Amino acid sequence: MTSTNIKILVCCHKADIKASQEPYLPIHVGKALSNQELCIQADNEGDNISHKNPSYCELTGMYWAWKNLKNVDIIGLCHYRRYFDFHNQCRKSFPQTIVSSENFDKINLSIPQDIIEKVQKGFVVTAKPYPHWRFLVDEYCFNHVSDDLRVLESILKTSQPQEIKDAYFKIMYQSHSLRHYNMFLMNWKEFNDYSTWLFDILQKVEAQTDIEHYNPVQKRIYGYLAERLLNVWIEAYHKPIIEKPIIWFSNSADIFSHYSYLKFKFRCWINDFAFWLIKPRKAIF
C-alpha cells in the first residue's frame, strides 16, 4: 500500500512560531517583495504570483502550490498562527479559540486517519462558519469597497453557470455566516478544480479594478473575495464538508471568552431566526 502524500501550507510572512512537522509545509508568502530570509519554502520560485501578495494575501502561497507541487494527494492551507482543531481542543461550539502562544507545542495539530480517508473520497475540510451581524453582502460593503463586489457580480453574471449564480446569491444575500481565512483541506483533484475556477475569476476582477489608491487593508481585495468564493464553490457544487473550529495562537483576549456555551448557542439561534424572517427572496441574477 502506498502512503498518502499530504501537504498543508503554513503561510508565513515573518519569523514567528509555526508548525513545520509533517505534513505541514511552511511557505514564505510575498517573498518577491521581502528581504527577510526565513529559510523556508518561498512562493517566488517557479510559476508564481508572489509579487501580488499585498492584494492576494495567502493566495500567493496557494497559487505556488497549485503550479509547482507534484505528486501530492491531499493539500491544505493554514496560517502560521491559525490551524484547524482536528482533535476538539477548542471551546465547544465556538468557531475559533484563542490559545496563548506559549502553549503552541502543547496543541495536537496532527490529522486523524478518518479525516484523511474522507478527504480522499472528496470531502473538504473548512473553517467552522463565523456568525456576522449583517448579511454577508452588507458586511462586505460595510468593511470593504462595495464597488469591488459589483465588479465580481458582473463577472459572475456573464461568465458563470446558473448554479454558481444561485450559490452566490444564497451565500451573500441570504446568509450571515462565513467560513473565513481561505483555510481548507481537500484532495488534489478538488484543489485543482477549485484553483482553476477561483484564479480565473480573480484575474478577471483584477483586470477591472484599480486598487492603486487603496489603503493596505483594502488592497487585500482578492484575499477577501476568495473567502466568499470558497463558500460559493462549496455551496454550488454540493461539496461534502467537515467543519472544524480554528485554533488561533495569540496573546490577545479571546473574543468569545465572555460567552458561555448556552448563551452563545442561544444568541446564534435568535440571530438565525431573525435573518430567516428578513432575508430577501428575489434573486439578483
Protein backbone atom coordinates (compact mmCIF):
# COMPACT_ATOMS: atom_id res chain seq x y z
CA MET A 1 0.00 0.00 0.00
CA THR A 2 1.35 3.42 -0.97
CA SER A 3 1.33 6.16 1.65
CA THR A 4 -0.77 9.28 1.20
CA ASN A 5 1.30 12.36 0.39
CA ILE A 6 -0.20 15.25 2.36
CA LYS A 7 0.97 18.85 2.36
CA ILE A 8 -0.58 21.63 4.43
CA LEU A 9 0.79 25.04 3.57
CA VAL A 10 1.61 27.22 6.57
CA CYS A 11 1.55 30.76 5.21
CA CYS A 12 4.22 32.95 6.85
CA HIS A 13 5.46 36.47 6.23
CA LYS A 14 7.83 36.88 9.17
CA ALA A 15 9.84 34.88 11.66
CA ASP A 16 7.41 33.56 14.26
CA ILE A 17 6.00 30.36 15.71
CA LYS A 18 4.83 27.91 13.08
CA ALA A 19 4.18 24.23 12.52
CA SER A 20 6.94 22.64 10.45
CA GLN A 21 6.47 18.95 11.22
CA GLU A 22 4.94 16.66 8.59
CA PRO A 23 2.58 17.20 6.87
CA TYR A 24 2.98 20.96 7.38
CA LEU A 25 4.97 22.94 4.81
CA PRO A 26 5.86 26.49 5.91
CA ILE A 27 5.91 28.87 2.96
CA HIS A 28 7.11 32.46 2.85
CA VAL A 29 4.30 34.33 1.09
CA GLY A 30 5.19 37.57 -0.67
CA LYS A 31 8.87 36.63 -0.79
CA ALA A 32 9.30 38.58 -4.04
CA LEU A 33 8.71 41.76 -2.05
CA SER A 34 10.61 40.82 1.11
CA ASN A 35 14.28 40.99 2.08
CA GLN A 36 13.74 38.65 5.02
CA GLU A 37 15.27 35.19 4.84
CA LEU A 38 13.02 32.79 6.72
CA CYS A 39 14.87 29.70 5.43
CA ILE A 40 11.62 28.02 4.38
CA GLN A 41 9.95 27.37 1.04
CA ALA A 42 9.38 30.67 -0.80
CA ASP A 43 6.44 31.48 -3.04
CA ASN A 44 8.57 33.29 -5.65
CA GLU A 45 10.00 30.15 -7.22
CA GLY A 46 8.76 28.56 -10.44
CA ASP A 47 5.38 29.70 -11.75
CA ASN A 48 4.24 32.24 -9.17
CA ILE A 49 2.36 35.46 -8.34
CA SER A 50 4.45 36.29 -5.27
CA HIS A 51 4.66 39.99 -6.22
CA LYS A 52 0.87 40.21 -5.89
CA ASN A 53 0.87 39.23 -2.23
CA PRO A 54 -0.36 42.62 -0.91
CA SER A 55 -3.64 42.05 -2.76
CA TYR A 56 -3.77 38.24 -2.97
CA CYS A 57 -2.58 37.56 0.61
CA GLU A 58 -2.23 33.82 1.36
CA LEU A 59 -3.42 33.02 -2.15
CA THR A 60 0.10 33.58 -3.47
CA GLY A 61 1.12 30.52 -1.47
CA MET A 62 -1.90 28.61 -2.73
CA TYR A 63 -1.07 29.55 -6.33
CA TRP A 64 2.54 28.43 -5.88
CA ALA A 65 1.43 25.04 -4.58
CA TRP A 66 -1.08 24.63 -7.41
CA LYS A 67 1.53 25.32 -10.08
CA ASN A 68 4.63 23.76 -8.56
CA LEU A 69 3.89 20.91 -6.15
CA LYS A 70 3.91 17.45 -7.70
CA ASN A 71 2.59 14.04 -6.66
CA VAL A 72 0.54 15.42 -3.77
CA ASP A 73 -2.62 13.54 -2.80
CA ILE A 74 -4.09 15.92 -0.22
CA ILE A 75 -3.39 19.64 0.04
CA GLY A 76 -4.34 22.16 2.70
CA LEU A 77 -3.77 25.76 3.70
CA CYS A 78 -3.49 27.38 7.10
CA HIS A 79 -1.64 30.31 8.66
CA TYR A 80 1.36 30.42 10.95
CA ARG A 81 -0.92 31.31 13.88
CA ARG A 82 -4.18 29.68 12.72
CA TYR A 83 -4.75 25.93 12.40
CA PHE A 84 -7.64 23.50 12.21
CA ASP A 85 -8.60 21.93 15.50
CA PHE A 86 -8.80 18.31 14.40
CA HIS A 87 -8.87 16.98 17.97
CA ASN A 88 -11.60 19.05 19.66
CA GLN A 89 -9.24 21.09 21.80
CA CYS A 90 -11.22 24.32 21.31
CA ARG A 91 -14.10 25.56 23.41
CA LYS A 92 -17.20 23.60 22.44
CA SER A 93 -19.28 25.08 19.60
CA PHE A 94 -17.22 28.24 19.12
CA PRO A 95 -15.81 28.91 15.62
CA GLN A 96 -12.38 29.73 16.99
CA THR A 97 -10.47 29.66 20.23
CA ILE A 98 -7.50 31.87 21.05
CA VAL A 99 -4.69 29.93 22.69
CA SER A 100 -1.66 31.58 24.24
CA SER A 101 1.40 31.35 22.01
CA GLU A 102 3.38 29.82 24.86
CA ASN A 103 1.15 26.74 24.60
CA PHE A 104 1.89 26.20 20.91
CA ASP A 105 3.83 22.97 21.47
CA LYS A 106 1.08 21.52 23.68
CA ILE A 107 -1.59 21.51 20.93
CA ASN A 108 -2.06 18.45 18.74
CA LEU A 109 -2.09 19.55 15.09
CA SER A 110 -1.99 16.07 13.53
CA ILE A 111 -4.69 14.89 11.12
CA PRO A 112 -6.79 11.91 12.26
CA GLN A 113 -6.89 8.98 9.86
CA ASP A 114 -10.67 9.15 9.48
CA ILE A 115 -10.38 12.74 8.25
CA ILE A 116 -7.72 11.71 5.73
CA GLU A 117 -9.92 8.91 4.42
CA LYS A 118 -12.91 11.23 3.99
CA VAL A 119 -10.83 13.86 2.20
CA GLN A 120 -9.54 11.20 -0.17
CA LYS A 121 -13.18 10.46 -1.03
CA GLY A 122 -13.96 14.10 -1.83
CA PHE A 123 -14.81 15.74 1.49
CA VAL A 124 -13.50 19.27 2.04
CA VAL A 125 -12.35 20.42 5.47
CA THR A 126 -13.25 24.07 6.10
CA ALA A 127 -13.29 26.51 8.97
CA LYS A 128 -16.38 26.46 11.12
CA PRO A 129 -18.67 29.33 10.00
CA TYR A 130 -18.28 32.60 11.85
CA PRO A 131 -21.57 34.42 12.56
CA HIS A 132 -21.80 38.04 11.45
CA TRP A 133 -24.49 40.51 12.44
CA ARG A 134 -25.29 41.53 8.87
CA PHE A 135 -26.00 39.68 5.65
CA LEU A 136 -22.64 38.94 4.05
CA VAL A 137 -23.23 41.36 1.19
CA ASP A 138 -23.85 44.15 3.72
CA GLU A 139 -20.91 43.02 5.84
CA TYR A 140 -18.60 43.25 2.81
CA CYS A 141 -19.90 46.66 1.74
CA PHE A 142 -19.60 47.97 5.30
CA ASN A 143 -16.00 46.81 5.80
CA HIS A 144 -14.59 46.92 2.28
CA VAL A 145 -15.10 48.61 -1.10
CA SER A 146 -18.61 47.93 -2.36
CA ASP A 147 -17.71 48.67 -5.99
CA ASP A 148 -15.39 45.65 -5.96
CA LEU A 149 -18.34 43.43 -5.16
CA ARG A 150 -20.28 44.92 -8.06
CA VAL A 151 -17.39 44.05 -10.39
CA LEU A 152 -17.37 40.48 -9.10
CA GLU A 153 -21.12 40.16 -9.56
CA SER A 154 -20.91 41.47 -13.11
CA ILE A 155 -18.26 38.87 -13.94
CA LEU A 156 -20.25 36.05 -12.36
CA LYS A 157 -23.33 37.16 -14.27
CA THR A 158 -21.61 36.96 -17.66
CA SER A 159 -19.18 34.07 -17.21
CA GLN A 160 -20.53 31.59 -14.66
CA PRO A 161 -23.20 28.85 -14.81
CA GLN A 162 -26.50 29.28 -13.02
CA GLU A 163 -25.52 27.07 -10.09
CA ILE A 164 -22.70 29.50 -9.24
CA LYS A 165 -25.02 32.49 -9.50
CA ASP A 166 -27.62 30.82 -7.30
CA ALA A 167 -25.00 29.84 -4.74
CA TYR A 168 -23.56 33.36 -4.70
CA PHE A 169 -27.00 34.83 -4.02
CA LYS A 170 -27.65 32.33 -1.24
CA ILE A 171 -24.27 32.88 0.42
CA MET A 172 -24.00 36.65 0.06
CA TYR A 173 -27.63 37.82 0.18
CA GLN A 174 -29.31 35.22 2.37
CA SER A 175 -26.58 34.22 4.82
CA HIS A 176 -24.77 35.92 7.67
CA SER A 177 -22.19 33.19 8.41
CA LEU A 178 -18.87 32.83 6.63
CA ARG A 179 -16.04 30.30 6.61
CA HIS A 180 -13.05 32.58 6.94
CA TYR A 181 -9.30 32.66 6.31
CA ASN A 182 -9.21 30.75 2.97
CA MET A 183 -8.33 27.67 5.00
CA PHE A 184 -9.10 24.23 3.62
CA LEU A 185 -8.02 20.63 3.30
CA MET A 186 -9.00 18.76 0.11
CA ASN A 187 -7.74 16.13 -2.27
CA TRP A 188 -5.68 17.26 -5.23
CA LYS A 189 -8.44 16.83 -7.80
CA GLU A 190 -10.77 19.09 -5.84
CA PHE A 191 -7.91 21.53 -5.28
CA ASN A 192 -7.08 21.68 -8.97
CA ASP A 193 -10.73 22.21 -9.89
CA TYR A 194 -11.17 24.90 -7.26
CA SER A 195 -7.93 26.72 -8.10
CA THR A 196 -8.69 26.73 -11.81
CA TRP A 197 -12.11 28.24 -11.13
CA LEU A 198 -11.00 30.69 -8.43
CA PHE A 199 -7.97 32.23 -10.11
CA ASP A 200 -9.81 32.63 -13.40
CA ILE A 201 -12.45 34.74 -11.65
CA LEU A 202 -9.95 36.73 -9.59
CA GLN A 203 -7.85 37.55 -12.65
CA LYS A 204 -10.96 38.89 -14.37
CA VAL A 205 -11.81 41.02 -11.34
CA GLU A 206 -8.22 42.25 -11.16
CA ALA A 207 -8.38 43.38 -14.79
CA GLN A 208 -11.38 45.58 -13.98
CA THR A 209 -10.33 47.10 -10.65
CA ASP A 210 -7.90 49.90 -9.85
CA ILE A 211 -6.54 49.49 -6.34
CA GLU A 212 -3.59 51.87 -6.61
CA HIS A 213 -5.03 54.30 -4.08
CA TYR A 214 -6.47 51.70 -1.69
CA ASN A 215 -5.05 51.60 1.81
CA PRO A 216 -3.10 48.44 2.78
CA VAL A 217 -6.17 46.80 4.34
CA GLN A 218 -8.41 47.30 1.32
CA LYS A 219 -5.61 46.24 -1.04
CA ARG A 220 -6.19 42.72 0.27
CA ILE A 221 -9.23 42.65 -2.03
CA TYR A 222 -8.59 39.31 -3.76
CA GLY A 223 -7.98 37.53 -0.48
CA TYR A 224 -11.28 38.91 0.83
CA LEU A 225 -13.18 37.94 -2.31
CA ALA A 226 -11.66 34.45 -2.26
CA GLU A 227 -13.00 33.87 1.25
CA ARG A 228 -16.51 34.43 -0.09
CA LEU A 229 -15.89 32.47 -3.27
CA LEU A 230 -14.74 29.37 -1.38
CA ASN A 231 -18.13 29.35 0.34
CA VAL A 232 -19.87 29.84 -3.02
CA TRP A 233 -17.95 26.98 -4.67
CA ILE A 234 -18.79 24.59 -1.84
CA GLU A 235 -22.47 25.54 -2.00
CA ALA A 236 -22.75 25.46 -5.80
CA TYR A 237 -21.23 22.03 -6.24
CA HIS A 238 -22.66 20.50 -3.06
CA LYS A 239 -19.26 19.55 -1.70
CA PRO A 240 -19.44 17.32 1.36
CA ILE A 241 -17.71 19.25 4.12
CA ILE A 242 -16.14 18.72 7.50
CA GLU A 243 -16.28 21.93 9.52
CA LYS A 244 -13.58 22.38 12.13
CA PRO A 245 -13.03 25.25 14.56
CA ILE A 246 -9.88 27.28 14.33
CA ILE A 247 -7.11 27.43 16.90
CA TRP A 248 -5.61 30.91 16.84
CA PHE A 249 -2.31 31.26 18.65
CA SER A 250 -2.16 34.77 20.08
CA ASN A 251 -1.69 36.67 23.29
CA SER A 252 -4.81 38.77 22.64
CA ALA A 253 -8.05 38.27 24.53
CA ASP A 254 -10.44 35.66 23.16
CA ILE A 255 -13.47 37.48 21.71
CA PHE A 256 -15.71 34.63 22.84
CA SER A 257 -14.26 34.33 26.34
CA HIS A 258 -17.23 36.07 28.00
CA TYR A 259 -19.76 33.74 26.38
CA SER A 260 -20.99 30.57 27.99
CA TYR A 261 -21.80 27.70 25.63
CA LEU A 262 -25.56 28.03 26.15
CA LYS A 263 -25.51 31.82 25.81
CA PHE A 264 -23.55 31.58 22.57
CA LYS A 265 -25.89 28.94 21.11
CA PHE A 266 -28.98 30.91 22.16
CA ARG A 267 -27.74 34.12 20.57
CA CYS A 268 -26.85 32.25 17.37
CA TRP A 269 -30.32 30.69 17.26
CA ILE A 270 -32.05 34.06 17.77
CA ASN A 271 -29.81 35.61 15.14
CA ASP A 272 -30.51 32.82 12.64
CA PHE A 273 -34.25 33.15 13.18
CA ALA A 274 -34.18 36.94 12.73
CA PHE A 275 -32.22 36.66 9.48
CA TRP A 276 -34.58 33.97 8.23
CA LEU A 277 -37.52 36.34 8.71
CA ILE A 278 -35.99 39.21 6.76
CA LYS A 279 -33.84 37.56 4.10
CA PRO A 280 -34.63 38.75 0.54
CA ARG A 281 -36.36 36.29 -1.76
CA LYS A 282 -35.61 37.89 -5.13
CA ALA A 283 -32.50 36.72 -6.99
CA ILE A 284 -30.10 39.31 -8.40
CA PHE A 285 -29.03 37.36 -11.49
